[in-house]
């Protein structure tokens, strides 16, 4: 069975109706989790800590969706 890795991260947004961060250097990386349940629990804990700040948002990124395990790729593929 393939791993289903999830990244939890967040920070202050420029506008609470959008998803652009105010300061990319200040993004809080909570961690990478082996399944959605543990990622959700971490996301919820961080989101609840900042519930009084409307500009703070935390997200769950599905890292496993970014990879195509069937396609061969080199480590420098993005360099062109």
PDB file of N, CA and C in Angstrom:
ATOM      1  N   UNK A   1       0.839  -1.180   0.000  1.00  0.00           N
ATOM      2  CA  UNK A   1       0.000   0.000   0.000  1.00  0.00           C
ATOM      3  C   UNK A   1       0.889   1.251   0.000  1.00  0.00           C
ATOM      4  N   UNK A   2       0.571   2.203  -0.848  1.00  0.00           N
ATOM      5  CA  UNK A   2       1.337   3.440  -0.942  1.00  0.00           C
ATOM      6  C   UNK A   2       1.070   4.340   0.260  1.00  0.00           C
ATOM      7  N   UNK A   3       2.105   5.074   0.657  1.00  0.00           N
ATOM      8  CA  UNK A   3       1.908   6.042   1.733  1.00  0.00           C
ATOM      9  C   UNK A   3       1.079   7.211   1.229  1.00  0.00           C
ATOM     10  N   UNK A   4       0.290   7.765   2.105  1.00  0.00           N
ATOM     11  CA  UNK A   4      -0.533   8.927   1.783  1.00  0.00           C
ATOM     12  C   UNK A   4      -0.097  10.079   2.681  1.00  0.00           C
ATOM     13  N   UNK A   5       1.010  10.715   2.310  1.00  0.00           N
ATOM     14  CA  UNK A   5       1.586  11.770   3.136  1.00  0.00           C
ATOM     15  C   UNK A   5       0.804  13.073   3.004  1.00  0.00           C
ATOM     16  N   UNK A   6       0.698  13.796   4.126  1.00  0.00           N
ATOM     17  CA  UNK A   6      -0.018  15.063   4.183  1.00  0.00           C
ATOM     18  C   UNK A   6       0.836  16.096   4.909  1.00  0.00           C
ATOM     19  N   UNK A   7       0.883  17.302   4.371  1.00  0.00           N
ATOM     20  CA  UNK A   7       1.615  18.421   4.964  1.00  0.00           C
ATOM     21  C   UNK A   7       0.619  19.387   5.588  1.00  0.00           C
ATOM     22  N   UNK A   8       0.865  19.776   6.832  1.00  0.00           N
ATOM     23  CA  UNK A   8       0.029  20.769   7.507  1.00  0.00           C
ATOM     24  C   UNK A   8       0.870  22.033   7.683  1.00  0.00           C
ATOM     25  N   UNK A   9       0.336  23.164   7.207  1.00  0.00           N
ATOM     26  CA  UNK A   9       1.051  24.432   7.290  1.00  0.00           C
ATOM     27  C   UNK A   9       0.050  25.576   7.366  1.00  0.00           C
ATOM     28  N   UNK A  10       0.531  26.729   7.780  1.00  0.00           N
ATOM     29  CA  UNK A  10      -0.362  27.878   7.850  1.00  0.00           C
ATOM     30  C   UNK A  10       0.384  29.155   8.128  1.00  0.00           C
ATOM     31  N   UNK A  11      -0.382  30.228   8.169  1.00  0.00           N
ATOM     32  CA  UNK A  11       0.196  31.530   8.442  1.00  0.00           C
ATOM     33  C   UNK A  11      -0.833  32.620   8.270  1.00  0.00           C
ATOM     34  N   UNK A  12      -0.355  33.839   8.367  1.00  0.00           N
ATOM     35  CA  UNK A  12      -1.250  34.984   8.266  1.00  0.00           C
ATOM     36  C   UNK A  12      -1.484  35.336   6.795  1.00  0.00           C
ATOM     37  N   UNK A  13      -2.739  35.534   6.444  1.00  0.00           N
ATOM     38  CA  UNK A  13      -3.113  35.868   5.075  1.00  0.00           C
ATOM     39  C   UNK A  13      -3.220  37.379   4.892  1.00  0.00           C
ATOM     40  N   UNK A  14      -3.004  37.838   3.665  1.00  0.00           N
ATOM     41  CA  UNK A  14      -3.176  39.250   3.330  1.00  0.00           C
ATOM     42  C   UNK A  14      -4.647  39.631   3.486  1.00  0.00           C
ATOM     43  N   UNK A  15      -5.501  38.778   2.963  1.00  0.00           N
ATOM     44  CA  UNK A  15      -6.946  39.006   2.968  1.00  0.00           C
ATOM     45  C   UNK A  15      -7.602  37.689   3.375  1.00  0.00           C
ATOM     46  N   UNK A  16      -8.441  37.693   4.403  1.00  0.00           N
ATOM     47  CA  UNK A  16      -9.025  36.430   4.860  1.00  0.00           C
ATOM     48  C   UNK A  16      -9.956  35.748   3.852  1.00  0.00           C
ATOM     49  N   UNK A  17     -10.302  36.425   2.772  1.00  0.00           N
ATOM     50  CA  UNK A  17     -11.149  35.797   1.749  1.00  0.00           C
ATOM     51  C   UNK A  17     -10.327  35.147   0.635  1.00  0.00           C
ATOM     52  N   UNK A  18      -9.002  35.278   0.736  1.00  0.00           N
ATOM     53  CA  UNK A  18      -8.103  34.701  -0.273  1.00  0.00           C
ATOM     54  C   UNK A  18      -7.093  33.778   0.414  1.00  0.00           C
ATOM     55  N   UNK A  19      -6.183  33.200  -0.360  1.00  0.00           N
ATOM     56  CA  UNK A  19      -5.206  32.279   0.228  1.00  0.00           C
ATOM     57  C   UNK A  19      -3.755  32.729   0.026  1.00  0.00           C
ATOM     58  N   UNK A  20      -3.524  34.020  -0.173  1.00  0.00           N
ATOM     59  CA  UNK A  20      -2.161  34.541  -0.318  1.00  0.00           C
ATOM     60  C   UNK A  20      -1.625  34.919   1.063  1.00  0.00           C
ATOM     61  N   UNK A  21      -0.432  34.425   1.375  1.00  0.00           N
ATOM     62  CA  UNK A  21       0.172  34.690   2.675  1.00  0.00           C
ATOM     63  C   UNK A  21       0.778  36.093   2.732  1.00  0.00           C
ATOM     64  N   UNK A  22       0.678  36.718   3.886  1.00  0.00           N
ATOM     65  CA  UNK A  22       1.234  38.049   4.119  1.00  0.00           C
ATOM     66  C   UNK A  22       2.753  38.013   4.041  1.00  0.00           C
ATOM     67  N   UNK A  23       3.375  37.002   4.651  1.00  0.00           N
ATOM     68  CA  UNK A  23       4.834  36.866   4.665  1.00  0.00           C
ATOM     69  C   UNK A  23       5.184  35.384   4.493  1.00  0.00           C
ATOM     70  N   UNK A  24       5.629  35.034   3.308  1.00  0.00           N
ATOM     71  CA  UNK A  24       5.945  33.635   3.002  1.00  0.00           C
ATOM     72  C   UNK A  24       7.056  33.096   3.893  1.00  0.00           C
ATOM     73  N   UNK A  25       7.968  33.969   4.306  1.00  0.00           N
ATOM     74  CA  UNK A  25       9.056  33.543   5.187  1.00  0.00           C
ATOM     75  C   UNK A  25       8.564  33.188   6.587  1.00  0.00           C
ATOM     76  N   UNK A  26       7.342  33.576   6.902  1.00  0.00           N
ATOM     77  CA  UNK A  26       6.783  33.352   8.230  1.00  0.00           C
ATOM     78  C   UNK A  26       5.748  32.219   8.255  1.00  0.00           C
ATOM     79  N   UNK A  27       5.705  31.409   7.206  1.00  0.00           N
ATOM     80  CA  UNK A  27       4.762  30.283   7.173  1.00  0.00           C
ATOM     81  C   UNK A  27       5.170  29.261   8.236  1.00  0.00           C
ATOM     82  N   UNK A  28       4.190  28.825   8.991  1.00  0.00           N
ATOM     83  CA  UNK A  28       4.415  27.833  10.041  1.00  0.00           C
ATOM     84  C   UNK A  28       4.177  26.431   9.458  1.00  0.00           C
ATOM     85  N   UNK A  29       5.240  25.654   9.364  1.00  0.00           N
ATOM     86  CA  UNK A  29       5.119  24.264   8.909  1.00  0.00           C
ATOM     87  C   UNK A  29       4.927  23.410  10.161  1.00  0.00           C
ATOM     88  N   UNK A  30       3.734  22.854  10.286  1.00  0.00           N
ATOM     89  CA  UNK A  30       3.404  22.033  11.451  1.00  0.00           C
ATOM     90  C   UNK A  30       4.090  20.683  11.331  1.00  0.00           C
ATOM     91  N   UNK A  31       4.026  20.084  10.140  1.00  0.00           N
ATOM     92  CA  UNK A  31       4.691  18.803   9.927  1.00  0.00           C
ATOM     93  C   UNK A  31       4.097  18.005   8.789  1.00  0.00           C
ATOM     94  N   UNK A  32       4.707  16.867   8.555  1.00  0.00           N
ATOM     95  CA  UNK A  32       4.243  15.913   7.544  1.00  0.00           C
ATOM     96  C   UNK A  32       3.705  14.704   8.286  1.00  0.00           C
ATOM     97  N   UNK A  33       2.537  14.241   7.869  1.00  0.00           N
ATOM     98  CA  UNK A  33       1.839  13.177   8.587  1.00  0.00           C
ATOM     99  C   UNK A  33       1.544  12.005   7.660  1.00  0.00           C
ATOM    100  N   UNK A  34       1.535  10.787   8.206  1.00  0.00           N
ATOM    101  CA  UNK A  34       1.404   9.586   7.379  1.00  0.00           C
ATOM    102  C   UNK A  34      -0.009   9.280   6.905  1.00  0.00           C
ATOM    103  N   UNK A  35      -0.998   9.992   7.437  1.00  0.00           N
ATOM    104  CA  UNK A  35      -2.386   9.739   7.008  1.00  0.00           C
ATOM    105  C   UNK A  35      -3.222  10.989   7.261  1.00  0.00           C
ATOM    106  N   UNK A  36      -4.396  11.015   6.665  1.00  0.00           N
ATOM    107  CA  UNK A  36      -5.249  12.196   6.770  1.00  0.00           C
ATOM    108  C   UNK A  36      -5.726  12.430   8.197  1.00  0.00           C
ATOM    109  N   UNK A  37      -6.030  11.387   8.918  1.00  0.00           N
ATOM    110  CA  UNK A  37      -6.547  11.526  10.290  1.00  0.00           C
ATOM    111  C   UNK A  37      -5.547  12.275  11.174  1.00  0.00           C
ATOM    112  N   UNK A  38      -4.289  11.868  11.155  1.00  0.00           N
ATOM    113  CA  UNK A  38      -3.298  12.546  11.998  1.00  0.00           C
ATOM    114  C   UNK A  38      -3.041  13.970  11.501  1.00  0.00           C
ATOM    115  N   UNK A  39      -3.083  14.187  10.187  1.00  0.00           N
ATOM    116  CA  UNK A  39      -2.929  15.537   9.644  1.00  0.00           C
ATOM    117  C   UNK A  39      -4.105  16.414  10.061  1.00  0.00           C
ATOM    118  N   UNK A  40      -5.293  15.877   9.999  1.00  0.00           N
ATOM    119  CA  UNK A  40      -6.487  16.625  10.401  1.00  0.00           C
ATOM    120  C   UNK A  40      -6.421  17.004  11.876  1.00  0.00           C
ATOM    121  N   UNK A  41      -5.993  16.075  12.709  1.00  0.00           N
ATOM    122  CA  UNK A  41      -5.879  16.360  14.145  1.00  0.00           C
ATOM    123  C   UNK A  41      -4.878  17.487  14.406  1.00  0.00           C
ATOM    124  N   UNK A  42      -3.749  17.472  13.691  1.00  0.00           N
ATOM    125  CA  UNK A  42      -2.743  18.525  13.838  1.00  0.00           C
ATOM    126  C   UNK A  42      -3.274  19.852  13.301  1.00  0.00           C
ATOM    127  N   UNK A  43      -3.945  19.810  12.154  1.00  0.00           N
ATOM    128  CA  UNK A  43      -4.544  21.013  11.578  1.00  0.00           C
ATOM    129  C   UNK A  43      -5.544  21.639  12.549  1.00  0.00           C
ATOM    130  N   UNK A  44      -6.407  20.812  13.103  1.00  0.00           N
ATOM    131  CA  UNK A  44      -7.451  21.298  14.011  1.00  0.00           C
ATOM    132  C   UNK A  44      -6.838  21.939  15.258  1.00  0.00           C
ATOM    133  N   UNK A  45      -5.814  21.315  15.816  1.00  0.00           N
ATOM    134  CA  UNK A  45      -5.151  21.851  17.010  1.00  0.00           C
ATOM    135  C   UNK A  45      -4.546  23.222  16.728  1.00  0.00           C
ATOM    136  N   UNK A  46      -3.866  23.378  15.590  1.00  0.00           N
ATOM    137  CA  UNK A  46      -3.255  24.663  15.241  1.00  0.00           C
ATOM    138  C   UNK A  46      -4.317  25.703  14.917  1.00  0.00           C
ATOM    139  N   UNK A  47      -5.340  25.315  14.187  1.00  0.00           N
ATOM    140  CA  UNK A  47      -6.410  26.254  13.822  1.00  0.00           C
ATOM    141  C   UNK A  47      -7.134  26.762  15.068  1.00  0.00           C
ATOM    142  N   UNK A  48      -7.342  25.894  16.037  1.00  0.00           N
ATOM    143  CA  UNK A  48      -8.031  26.309  17.256  1.00  0.00           C
ATOM    144  C   UNK A  48      -7.197  27.287  18.085  1.00  0.00           C
ATOM    145  N   UNK A  49      -5.874  27.187  17.995  1.00  0.00           N
ATOM    146  CA  UNK A  49      -5.000  28.118  18.728  1.00  0.00           C
ATOM    147  C   UNK A  49      -5.116  29.539  18.185  1.00  0.00           C
ATOM    148  N   UNK A  50      -5.473  29.672  16.915  1.00  0.00           N
ATOM    149  CA  UNK A  50      -5.501  30.987  16.268  1.00  0.00           C
ATOM    150  C   UNK A  50      -6.916  31.412  15.882  1.00  0.00           C
ATOM    151  N   UNK A  51      -7.912  30.843  16.516  1.00  0.00           N
ATOM    152  CA  UNK A  51      -9.307  31.088  16.148  1.00  0.00           C
ATOM    153  C   UNK A  51      -9.696  32.565  16.281  1.00  0.00           C
ATOM    154  N   UNK A  52      -9.039  33.315  17.133  1.00  0.00           N
ATOM    155  CA  UNK A  52      -9.375  34.728  17.325  1.00  0.00           C
ATOM    156  C   UNK A  52      -8.765  35.651  16.271  1.00  0.00           C
ATOM    157  N   UNK A  53      -7.898  35.133  15.418  1.00  0.00           N
ATOM    158  CA  UNK A  53      -7.274  35.933  14.369  1.00  0.00           C
ATOM    159  C   UNK A  53      -7.854  35.521  13.023  1.00  0.00           C
ATOM    160  N   UNK A  54      -8.706  36.358  12.459  1.00  0.00           N
ATOM    161  CA  UNK A  54      -9.386  36.027  11.198  1.00  0.00           C
ATOM    162  C   UNK A  54      -8.433  35.885  10.020  1.00  0.00           C
ATOM    163  N   UNK A  55      -7.231  36.425  10.133  1.00  0.00           N
ATOM    164  CA  UNK A  55      -6.271  36.354   9.035  1.00  0.00           C
ATOM    165  C   UNK A  55      -5.398  35.097   9.073  1.00  0.00           C
ATOM    166  N   UNK A  56      -5.452  34.358  10.145  1.00  0.00           N
ATOM    167  CA  UNK A  56      -4.649  33.134  10.256  1.00  0.00           C
ATOM    168  C   UNK A  56      -5.405  31.952   9.663  1.00  0.00           C
ATOM    169  N   UNK A  57      -4.716  31.181   8.837  1.00  0.00           N
ATOM    170  CA  UNK A  57      -5.314  29.988   8.247  1.00  0.00           C
ATOM    171  C   UNK A  57      -4.293  28.863   8.225  1.00  0.00           C
ATOM    172  N   UNK A  58      -4.772  27.665   8.453  1.00  0.00           N
ATOM    173  CA  UNK A  58      -3.956  26.462   8.323  1.00  0.00           C
ATOM    174  C   UNK A  58      -4.569  25.585   7.238  1.00  0.00           C
ATOM    175  N   UNK A  59      -3.706  24.861   6.552  1.00  0.00           N
ATOM    176  CA  UNK A  59      -4.118  24.046   5.409  1.00  0.00           C
ATOM    177  C   UNK A  59      -3.529  22.643   5.516  1.00  0.00           C
ATOM    178  N   UNK A  60      -4.186  21.706   4.848  1.00  0.00           N
ATOM    179  CA  UNK A  60      -3.665  20.344   4.689  1.00  0.00           C
ATOM    180  C   UNK A  60      -3.392  20.152   3.207  1.00  0.00           C
ATOM    181  N   UNK A  61      -2.144  19.880   2.869  1.00  0.00           N
ATOM    182  CA  UNK A  61      -1.763  19.595   1.486  1.00  0.00           C
ATOM    183  C   UNK A  61      -1.590  18.086   1.347  1.00  0.00           C
ATOM    184  N   UNK A  62      -2.212  17.531   0.339  1.00  0.00           N
ATOM    185  CA  UNK A  62      -2.139  16.093   0.079  1.00  0.00           C
ATOM    186  C   UNK A  62      -0.885  15.813  -0.758  1.00  0.00           C
ATOM    187  N   UNK A  63       0.238  15.589  -0.087  1.00  0.00           N
ATOM    188  CA  UNK A  63       1.500  15.392  -0.793  1.00  0.00           C
ATOM    189  C   UNK A  63       1.463  14.190  -1.726  1.00  0.00           C
ATOM    190  N   UNK A  64       0.727  13.176  -1.364  1.00  0.00           N
ATOM    191  CA  UNK A  64       0.662  11.968  -2.190  1.00  0.00           C
ATOM    192  C   UNK A  64       0.030  12.252  -3.550  1.00  0.00           C
ATOM    193  N   UNK A  65      -0.751  13.309  -3.658  1.00  0.00           N
ATOM    194  CA  UNK A  65      -1.360  13.657  -4.942  1.00  0.00           C
ATOM    195  C   UNK A  65      -0.381  14.371  -5.874  1.00  0.00           C
ATOM    196  N   UNK A  66       0.727  14.846  -5.330  1.00  0.00           N
ATOM    197  CA  UNK A  66       1.713  15.552  -6.134  1.00  0.00           C
ATOM    198  C   UNK A  66       2.667  14.608  -6.861  1.00  0.00           C
ATOM    199  N   UNK A  67       2.639  13.355  -6.484  1.00  0.00           N
ATOM    200  CA  UNK A  67       3.579  12.392  -7.052  1.00  0.00           C
ATOM    201  C   UNK A  67       2.861  11.384  -7.929  1.00  0.00           C
ATOM    202  N   UNK A  68       3.445  11.104  -9.054  1.00  0.00           N
ATOM    203  CA  UNK A  68       2.953  10.035  -9.922  1.00  0.00           C
ATOM    204  C   UNK A  68       3.965   8.906  -9.818  1.00  0.00           C
ATOM    205  N   UNK A  69       3.638   7.920  -9.025  1.00  0.00           N
ATOM    206  CA  UNK A  69       4.581   6.827  -8.758  1.00  0.00           C
ATOM    207  C   UNK A  69       4.904   6.011 -10.012  1.00  0.00           C
ATOM    208  N   UNK A  70       4.089   6.113 -11.036  1.00  0.00           N
ATOM    209  CA  UNK A  70       4.311   5.330 -12.252  1.00  0.00           C
ATOM    210  C   UNK A  70       5.275   6.017 -13.223  1.00  0.00           C
ATOM    211  N   UNK A  71       5.448   7.335 -13.087  1.00  0.00           N
ATOM    212  CA  UNK A  71       6.291   8.080 -14.022  1.00  0.00           C
ATOM    213  C   UNK A  71       7.723   8.204 -13.494  1.00  0.00           C
ATOM    214  N   UNK A  72       8.678   7.903 -14.362  1.00  0.00           N
ATOM    215  CA  UNK A  72      10.079   8.049 -13.990  1.00  0.00           C
ATOM    216  C   UNK A  72      10.454   9.523 -14.080  1.00  0.00           C
ATOM    217  N   UNK A  73      11.231  10.000 -13.139  1.00  0.00           N
ATOM    218  CA  UNK A  73      11.655  11.404 -13.142  1.00  0.00           C
ATOM    219  C   UNK A  73      13.030  11.519 -12.505  1.00  0.00           C
ATOM    220  N   UNK A  74      13.799  12.470 -12.992  1.00  0.00           N
ATOM    221  CA  UNK A  74      15.111  12.691 -12.400  1.00  0.00           C
ATOM    222  C   UNK A  74      15.004  13.711 -11.286  1.00  0.00           C
ATOM    223  N   UNK A  75      15.996  13.785 -10.444  1.00  0.00           N
ATOM    224  CA  UNK A  75      15.976  14.742  -9.336  1.00  0.00           C
ATOM    225  C   UNK A  75      16.140  16.175  -9.829  1.00  0.00           C
ATOM    226  N   UNK A  76      16.592  16.366 -11.060  1.00  0.00           N
ATOM    227  CA  UNK A  76      16.793  17.709 -11.586  1.00  0.00           C
ATOM    228  C   UNK A  76      15.771  18.035 -12.677  1.00  0.00           C
ATOM    229  N   UNK A  77      14.689  17.323 -12.740  1.00  0.00           N
ATOM    230  CA  UNK A  77      13.690  17.509 -13.793  1.00  0.00           C
ATOM    231  C   UNK A  77      13.170  18.941 -13.855  1.00  0.00           C
ATOM    232  N   UNK A  78      12.989  19.580 -12.711  1.00  0.00           N
ATOM    233  CA  UNK A  78      12.427  20.932 -12.689  1.00  0.00           C
ATOM    234  C   UNK A  78      13.400  21.992 -13.213  1.00  0.00           C
ATOM    235  N   UNK A  79      14.666  21.665 -13.279  1.00  0.00           N
ATOM    236  CA  UNK A  79      15.648  22.634 -13.751  1.00  0.00           C
ATOM    237  C   UNK A  79      15.612  22.822 -15.259  1.00  0.00           C
ATOM    238  N   UNK A  80      14.923  21.942 -15.963  1.00  0.00           N
ATOM    239  CA  UNK A  80      14.755  22.088 -17.393  1.00  0.00           C
ATOM    240  C   UNK A  80      15.848  21.432 -18.128  1.00  0.00           C
TER     241      UNK A  80
END
